[in-house]
Amino acid sequence: MKQMKIGKSGIKASALGLGTWAIGGDSSWGPSDDNESIKTIHRARELGISLIDTAPAYGLGHSEEVVGKALAGHRDQYVLATKCGIRWDIDEGGFLMERDGVKIVRNASPKRLSEEIDLSLKRLQTDYIDIYIVHWQAIEEYPIPISDTMGYLMELKQQGKIRAIGASNLNSEQFIEYVNNGQLDLIQEKYSILDRVVEETFFGFCEEHGVTFQAYSPLERGVLTGKYTPASTVNMGLAKKKIKWYEKENLEKVVELKKKWQPLFEKYGCSMTELVLAWTLSQGTGNNVNVLCGARKISQIEENVGGGNISIDSEDLASMRRDVEAIL
């Protein structure tokens, strides 16, 4: 598995990381088997994946708890990322959503982060987090200056509770505020071959400021595995309902893509999942793109990992992009 540096932090991690949103087992994805999830995390490490990404909001703390159990006794073998700024146990903050019977708010104030870091450390059964990521940014109804948030995160680094700082779901102005107020090492954004809108916004910024770009949902939450057709019965949790590619007319387009890419599957000896993940890893400049792929079953991580071991020719990378542009 290819290894890469995370920003300027000195941390090295696998270019392909394991995302644990579904492991939380809430209404976003449906029930999970915790034992199978733990085995999947262990299998990921055996296959060369060292980066594990989680968040308190995934299952309202449950994903962190499962990850903590999996890493117990093996903590030094993993690069652990979790997030902050999303709470369901307080009312103070900007409204994000209601889910599973609770109101979820955004609040990345220093006061609340000082509580949240200790809650995450406890659930994760560790005394430090490698990459601490602000999950969602503040909104007008409850503004928190990024300078305040970043100032406290830099204090957490000095205390040794975190090693690197990240931010997710942000715009270009917020990116600049982060880099102007401390050391930002990673940003995490939704990005796939079907959804490349953030390329223009962030790829240049990341190269200029030495920030790692991390892609989440590179498979469009299962669509780009090639396993679904318009006739498929899909277990649609809240996460998949947000993906337009599950609509019948769009699934038909993905089926056609799969047919068109069949020669590439044969050329590289891979599945559609592996090809798409390899394409995603090849984007950006300076080998600066890290890719998260979700898995909660051993079979899923065993298929995903192949995407980190394939090198696609430049001509094929370009042809895949053209194929997608033709259906958008």
Protein backbone atom coordinates (compact mmCIF):
# COMPACT_ATOMS: atom_id res chain seq x y z
CA MET A 1 0.00 0.00 0.00
CA LYS A 2 1.31 3.42 -0.98
CA GLN A 3 2.21 5.65 1.97
CA MET A 4 1.96 9.44 1.99
CA LYS A 5 2.70 12.42 4.21
CA ILE A 6 -0.21 14.21 5.85
CA GLY A 7 0.39 17.90 5.25
CA LYS A 8 3.40 19.23 7.13
CA SER A 9 2.64 17.22 10.26
CA GLY A 10 5.32 14.57 9.83
CA ILE A 11 2.63 11.88 9.96
CA LYS A 12 2.80 9.17 7.32
CA ALA A 13 -0.30 7.13 6.53
CA SER A 14 -1.69 4.81 3.91
CA ALA A 15 -2.96 6.63 0.83
CA LEU A 16 -6.19 4.67 1.16
CA GLY A 17 -7.96 5.01 4.49
CA LEU A 18 -10.84 3.18 6.15
CA GLY A 19 -13.93 5.30 6.77
CA THR A 20 -16.14 4.16 9.65
CA TRP A 21 -19.34 6.16 9.17
CA ALA A 22 -21.40 3.03 8.47
CA ILE A 23 -19.86 1.28 11.48
CA GLY A 24 -21.81 3.74 13.66
CA GLY A 25 -24.93 1.78 12.75
CA ASP A 26 -27.44 4.65 12.95
CA SER A 27 -30.27 5.54 10.57
CA SER A 28 -27.76 6.87 8.05
CA TRP A 29 -26.70 3.33 7.17
CA GLY A 30 -28.74 0.88 9.22
CA PRO A 31 -27.64 -1.66 11.85
CA SER A 32 -24.06 -2.91 11.97
CA ASP A 33 -22.45 -5.98 13.47
CA ASP A 34 -19.84 -4.62 15.89
CA ASN A 35 -17.78 -7.81 15.93
CA GLU A 36 -17.63 -7.84 12.14
CA SER A 37 -16.68 -4.15 12.17
CA ILE A 38 -13.77 -4.82 14.55
CA LYS A 39 -12.57 -7.70 12.38
CA THR A 40 -12.77 -5.40 9.36
CA ILE A 41 -10.59 -2.78 11.07
CA HIS A 42 -8.02 -5.45 11.92
CA ARG A 43 -8.14 -6.87 8.39
CA ALA A 44 -7.57 -3.41 6.96
CA ARG A 45 -4.29 -3.14 8.87
CA GLU A 46 -3.20 -6.59 7.68
CA LEU A 47 -3.77 -5.38 4.12
CA GLY A 48 -1.65 -2.26 4.61
CA ILE A 49 -4.29 0.32 5.53
CA SER A 50 -3.10 2.28 8.56
CA LEU A 51 -5.43 5.31 8.43
CA ILE A 52 -8.75 4.96 10.27
CA ASP A 53 -11.27 7.81 10.11
CA THR A 54 -14.21 8.17 12.49
CA ALA A 55 -16.32 10.89 14.14
CA PRO A 56 -18.46 11.35 17.25
CA ALA A 57 -21.52 11.99 15.07
CA TYR A 58 -21.31 8.53 13.48
CA GLY A 59 -23.85 6.59 15.48
CA LEU A 60 -23.85 9.28 18.19
CA GLY A 61 -20.55 8.06 19.63
CA HIS A 62 -20.91 4.40 18.69
CA SER A 63 -18.44 4.40 15.80
CA GLU A 64 -15.74 5.87 18.05
CA GLU A 65 -16.49 3.23 20.69
CA VAL A 66 -16.15 0.39 18.16
CA VAL A 67 -12.94 1.86 16.75
CA GLY A 68 -11.60 2.22 20.29
CA LYS A 69 -12.25 -1.46 20.98
CA ALA A 70 -10.57 -2.45 17.71
CA LEU A 71 -7.46 -0.36 18.36
CA ALA A 72 -7.02 -1.42 22.00
CA GLY A 73 -3.61 -3.04 22.26
CA HIS A 74 -2.79 -2.03 18.67
CA ARG A 75 -2.97 1.77 18.89
CA ASP A 76 0.56 2.37 17.62
CA GLN A 77 -0.18 0.51 14.40
CA TYR A 78 -2.82 2.99 13.25
CA VAL A 79 -3.10 6.63 12.24
CA LEU A 80 -6.33 7.66 13.95
CA ALA A 81 -8.48 10.53 12.72
CA THR A 82 -11.66 11.74 14.37
CA LYS A 83 -13.67 14.92 14.23
CA CYS A 84 -15.12 17.68 16.37
CA GLY A 85 -17.63 20.52 16.30
CA ILE A 86 -20.81 18.41 16.09
CA ARG A 87 -22.82 17.77 19.26
CA TRP A 88 -26.11 16.07 20.09
CA ASP A 89 -25.77 16.34 23.88
CA ILE A 90 -26.10 20.15 24.05
CA ASP A 91 -28.61 22.66 22.65
CA GLU A 92 -26.11 25.46 22.10
CA GLY A 93 -25.05 25.72 18.47
CA GLY A 94 -26.11 26.11 14.86
CA PHE A 95 -28.75 23.59 13.78
CA LEU A 96 -27.46 20.81 11.52
CA MET A 97 -30.19 18.16 11.53
CA GLU A 98 -32.51 15.99 13.58
CA ARG A 99 -31.66 12.29 13.48
CA ASP A 100 -32.45 9.25 15.59
CA GLY A 101 -34.51 11.28 18.02
CA VAL A 102 -31.95 13.99 18.77
CA LYS A 103 -31.14 17.50 17.59
CA ILE A 104 -27.59 17.79 16.21
CA VAL A 105 -25.83 21.16 16.28
CA ARG A 106 -22.56 22.69 15.10
CA ASN A 107 -20.40 24.20 17.82
CA ALA A 108 -16.63 24.43 17.51
CA SER A 109 -16.09 26.99 20.25
CA PRO A 110 -13.03 26.47 22.47
CA LYS A 111 -15.28 25.85 25.48
CA ARG A 112 -17.15 23.03 23.76
CA LEU A 113 -14.06 21.58 22.08
CA SER A 114 -12.42 21.29 25.49
CA GLU A 115 -15.30 18.99 26.50
CA GLU A 116 -15.47 17.13 23.22
CA ILE A 117 -11.80 16.16 22.97
CA ASP A 118 -11.96 14.34 26.30
CA LEU A 119 -15.19 12.56 25.34
CA SER A 120 -13.59 11.30 22.13
CA LEU A 121 -10.39 10.22 23.86
CA LYS A 122 -12.44 8.19 26.32
CA ARG A 123 -14.55 6.49 23.66
CA LEU A 124 -11.46 5.78 21.55
CA GLN A 125 -9.50 4.44 24.56
CA THR A 126 -6.44 6.51 23.72
CA ASP A 127 -4.58 9.54 25.06
CA TYR A 128 -3.97 11.18 21.67
CA ILE A 129 -5.56 11.62 18.26
CA ASP A 130 -3.39 11.80 15.18
CA ILE A 131 -5.63 14.00 13.02
CA TYR A 132 -8.40 16.09 14.60
CA ILE A 133 -10.85 17.43 12.02
CA VAL A 134 -13.50 20.14 12.37
CA HIS A 135 -16.46 18.22 10.94
CA TRP A 136 -18.72 21.06 9.72
CA GLN A 137 -18.11 24.78 9.70
CA ALA A 138 -20.02 27.41 11.67
CA ILE A 139 -23.08 29.09 10.17
CA GLU A 140 -24.52 32.60 10.56
CA GLU A 141 -27.09 31.65 13.20
CA TYR A 142 -24.29 30.60 15.57
CA PRO A 143 -20.99 32.07 14.33
CA ILE A 144 -17.70 30.88 15.79
CA PRO A 145 -14.59 32.60 14.40
CA ILE A 146 -12.17 30.15 12.83
CA SER A 147 -9.39 32.04 14.60
CA ASP A 148 -10.92 30.97 17.94
CA THR A 149 -11.34 27.36 16.86
CA MET A 150 -7.88 27.13 15.35
CA GLY A 151 -6.29 28.83 18.34
CA TYR A 152 -7.67 26.16 20.67
CA LEU A 153 -6.73 23.32 18.32
CA MET A 154 -3.15 24.60 18.29
CA GLU A 155 -3.25 24.49 22.10
CA LEU A 156 -4.37 20.85 21.94
CA LYS A 157 -1.32 20.13 19.77
CA GLN A 158 0.94 21.71 22.36
CA GLN A 159 -0.70 19.57 25.04
CA GLY A 160 -0.02 16.43 22.99
CA LYS A 161 -3.70 15.48 22.70
CA ILE A 162 -3.66 15.83 18.91
CA ARG A 163 -0.88 15.70 16.31
CA ALA A 164 -2.43 17.38 13.27
CA ILE A 165 -5.40 19.59 12.43
CA GLY A 166 -7.94 19.11 9.66
CA ALA A 167 -11.14 20.74 8.45
CA SER A 168 -14.05 19.33 6.47
CA ASN A 169 -16.94 20.67 4.40
CA LEU A 170 -15.56 24.17 3.98
CA ASN A 171 -15.29 26.87 1.33
CA SER A 172 -12.24 28.66 -0.05
CA GLU A 173 -12.56 31.63 2.32
CA GLN A 174 -12.69 29.32 5.33
CA PHE A 175 -9.65 27.42 4.02
CA ILE A 176 -7.64 30.65 3.95
CA GLU A 177 -8.78 31.53 7.47
CA TYR A 178 -7.54 28.18 8.73
CA VAL A 179 -4.09 28.47 7.15
CA ASN A 180 -3.76 32.07 8.36
CA ASN A 181 -4.45 31.06 11.97
CA GLY A 182 -2.35 27.94 12.44
CA GLN A 183 -1.05 24.81 10.73
CA LEU A 184 -3.76 23.13 8.68
CA ASP A 185 -2.57 19.72 7.49
CA LEU A 186 -5.64 18.16 5.87
CA ILE A 187 -9.00 19.01 4.42
CA GLN A 188 -11.72 16.42 3.89
CA GLU A 189 -14.31 16.94 1.14
CA LYS A 190 -16.84 14.88 -0.80
CA TYR A 191 -15.17 14.00 -4.09
CA SER A 192 -15.60 11.31 -6.71
CA ILE A 193 -15.23 10.84 -10.44
CA LEU A 194 -18.95 11.70 -10.65
CA ASP A 195 -18.69 14.77 -8.39
CA ARG A 196 -15.56 16.81 -9.03
CA VAL A 197 -16.81 20.30 -8.19
CA VAL A 198 -14.21 20.81 -5.42
CA GLU A 199 -11.24 20.28 -7.75
CA GLU A 200 -11.19 23.89 -8.92
CA THR A 201 -11.69 25.22 -5.41
CA PHE A 202 -9.14 23.21 -3.47
CA PHE A 203 -6.52 21.33 -5.49
CA GLY A 204 -4.47 24.46 -6.15
CA PHE A 205 -4.84 25.72 -2.59
CA CYS A 206 -3.72 22.39 -1.15
CA GLU A 207 -0.61 22.29 -3.31
CA GLU A 208 0.25 25.92 -2.51
CA HIS A 209 -0.13 25.52 1.27
CA GLY A 210 1.12 21.95 1.72
CA VAL A 211 -2.27 20.60 2.80
CA THR A 212 -3.40 17.04 2.08
CA PHE A 213 -6.70 16.72 0.20
CA GLN A 214 -8.74 13.80 1.53
CA ALA A 215 -11.70 12.55 -0.52
CA TYR A 216 -14.74 11.02 1.12
CA SER A 217 -17.57 9.13 -0.64
CA PRO A 218 -15.35 8.32 -3.66
CA LEU A 219 -17.72 5.45 -4.55
CA GLU A 220 -20.82 7.65 -4.20
CA ARG A 221 -21.90 5.51 -1.22
CA GLY A 222 -21.91 2.29 -3.20
CA VAL A 223 -23.06 3.42 -6.65
CA LEU A 224 -19.59 3.13 -8.19
CA THR A 225 -19.06 -0.43 -7.00
CA GLY A 226 -21.05 -1.38 -10.10
CA LYS A 227 -23.24 -3.70 -8.05
CA TYR A 228 -26.49 -1.82 -8.58
CA THR A 229 -28.80 -1.58 -11.58
CA PRO A 230 -32.22 0.11 -11.94
CA ALA A 231 -33.76 -3.27 -11.04
CA SER A 232 -31.77 -3.66 -7.83
CA THR A 233 -33.36 -3.58 -4.39
CA VAL A 234 -31.28 -1.06 -2.46
CA ASN A 235 -31.38 -0.68 1.33
CA MET A 236 -31.63 3.10 1.36
CA GLY A 237 -30.53 4.71 4.63
CA LEU A 238 -30.31 8.47 5.04
CA ALA A 239 -26.80 8.49 3.58
CA LYS A 240 -27.77 6.89 0.27
CA LYS A 241 -30.92 8.97 -0.06
CA LYS A 242 -28.69 12.01 -0.53
CA ILE A 243 -27.01 10.50 -3.60
CA LYS A 244 -28.75 11.37 -6.86
CA TRP A 245 -27.03 8.51 -8.67
CA TYR A 246 -29.38 6.02 -6.99
CA GLU A 247 -32.23 7.45 -9.06
CA LYS A 248 -33.26 5.02 -11.82
CA GLU A 249 -32.25 7.18 -14.78
CA ASN A 250 -28.85 7.87 -13.23
CA LEU A 251 -28.20 4.23 -12.32
CA GLU A 252 -28.74 3.45 -16.00
CA LYS A 253 -25.88 5.83 -16.82
CA VAL A 254 -23.61 4.10 -14.30
CA VAL A 255 -24.46 0.71 -15.82
CA GLU A 256 -23.36 2.07 -19.20
CA LEU A 257 -20.13 3.36 -17.66
CA LYS A 258 -19.44 -0.10 -16.30
CA LYS A 259 -19.88 -1.62 -19.75
CA LYS A 260 -17.60 1.00 -21.29
CA TRP A 261 -14.90 0.36 -18.69
CA GLN A 262 -14.95 -3.42 -19.09
CA PRO A 263 -11.70 -3.36 -21.14
CA LEU A 264 -10.03 -1.45 -18.29
CA PHE A 265 -11.18 -4.03 -15.73
CA GLU A 266 -9.51 -6.66 -17.88
CA LYS A 267 -6.38 -4.58 -18.55
CA TYR A 268 -5.72 -3.89 -14.85
CA GLY A 269 -7.19 -7.12 -13.50
CA CYS A 270 -9.55 -5.26 -11.19
CA SER A 271 -13.17 -4.60 -10.26
CA MET A 272 -15.03 -1.36 -10.87
CA THR A 273 -14.55 -0.47 -7.19
CA GLU A 274 -10.77 -0.85 -7.46
CA LEU A 275 -10.57 1.07 -10.73
CA VAL A 276 -12.56 4.02 -9.38
CA LEU A 277 -10.54 4.22 -6.16
CA ALA A 278 -7.28 4.07 -8.14
CA TRP A 279 -8.52 6.87 -10.41
CA THR A 280 -9.39 9.00 -7.38
CA LEU A 281 -5.97 8.48 -5.79
CA SER A 282 -4.35 9.62 -9.04
CA GLN A 283 -5.96 13.06 -9.04
CA GLY A 284 -4.59 16.35 -7.79
CA THR A 285 -0.95 17.30 -8.02
CA GLY A 286 2.13 16.07 -6.24
CA ASN A 287 0.58 12.81 -4.98
CA ASN A 288 -1.39 14.85 -2.48
CA VAL A 289 -4.79 13.09 -2.57
CA ASN A 290 -5.77 10.69 0.18
CA VAL A 291 -8.93 8.60 -0.24
CA LEU A 292 -11.35 7.27 2.38
CA CYS A 293 -13.45 4.24 1.54
CA GLY A 294 -16.13 3.01 3.91
CA ALA A 295 -16.33 -0.63 4.96
CA ARG A 296 -17.90 -2.61 7.77
CA LYS A 297 -17.40 -6.09 6.35
CA ILE A 298 -14.16 -7.95 5.66
CA SER A 299 -15.22 -8.62 2.07
CA GLN A 300 -15.67 -4.89 1.46
CA ILE A 301 -12.23 -3.88 2.73
CA GLU A 302 -10.60 -6.73 0.83
CA GLU A 303 -12.05 -5.38 -2.40
CA ASN A 304 -11.35 -1.74 -1.62
CA VAL A 305 -7.69 -2.26 -0.81
CA GLY A 306 -6.89 -3.25 -4.40
CA GLY A 307 -7.58 0.33 -5.44
CA GLY A 308 -4.49 1.42 -3.54
CA ASN A 309 -2.25 -0.95 -5.44
CA ILE A 310 -3.14 -0.08 -9.04
CA SER A 311 -1.37 2.48 -11.22
CA ILE A 312 -3.55 3.66 -14.11
CA ASP A 313 -1.96 4.97 -17.31
CA SER A 314 -2.41 8.70 -17.91
CA GLU A 315 -4.33 8.04 -21.12
CA ASP A 316 -6.78 5.80 -19.29
CA LEU A 317 -7.19 8.35 -16.48
CA ALA A 318 -8.11 10.97 -19.07
CA SER A 319 -10.46 8.66 -20.97
CA MET A 320 -12.34 7.80 -17.76
CA ARG A 321 -12.83 11.48 -17.06
CA ARG A 322 -14.16 12.02 -20.58
CA ASP A 323 -16.53 9.08 -20.25
CA VAL A 324 -18.01 10.60 -17.11
CA GLU A 325 -18.26 14.09 -18.56
CA ALA A 326 -20.31 12.62 -21.40
CA ILE A 327 -23.05 11.48 -19.00
CA LEU A 328 -23.21 14.47 -16.64
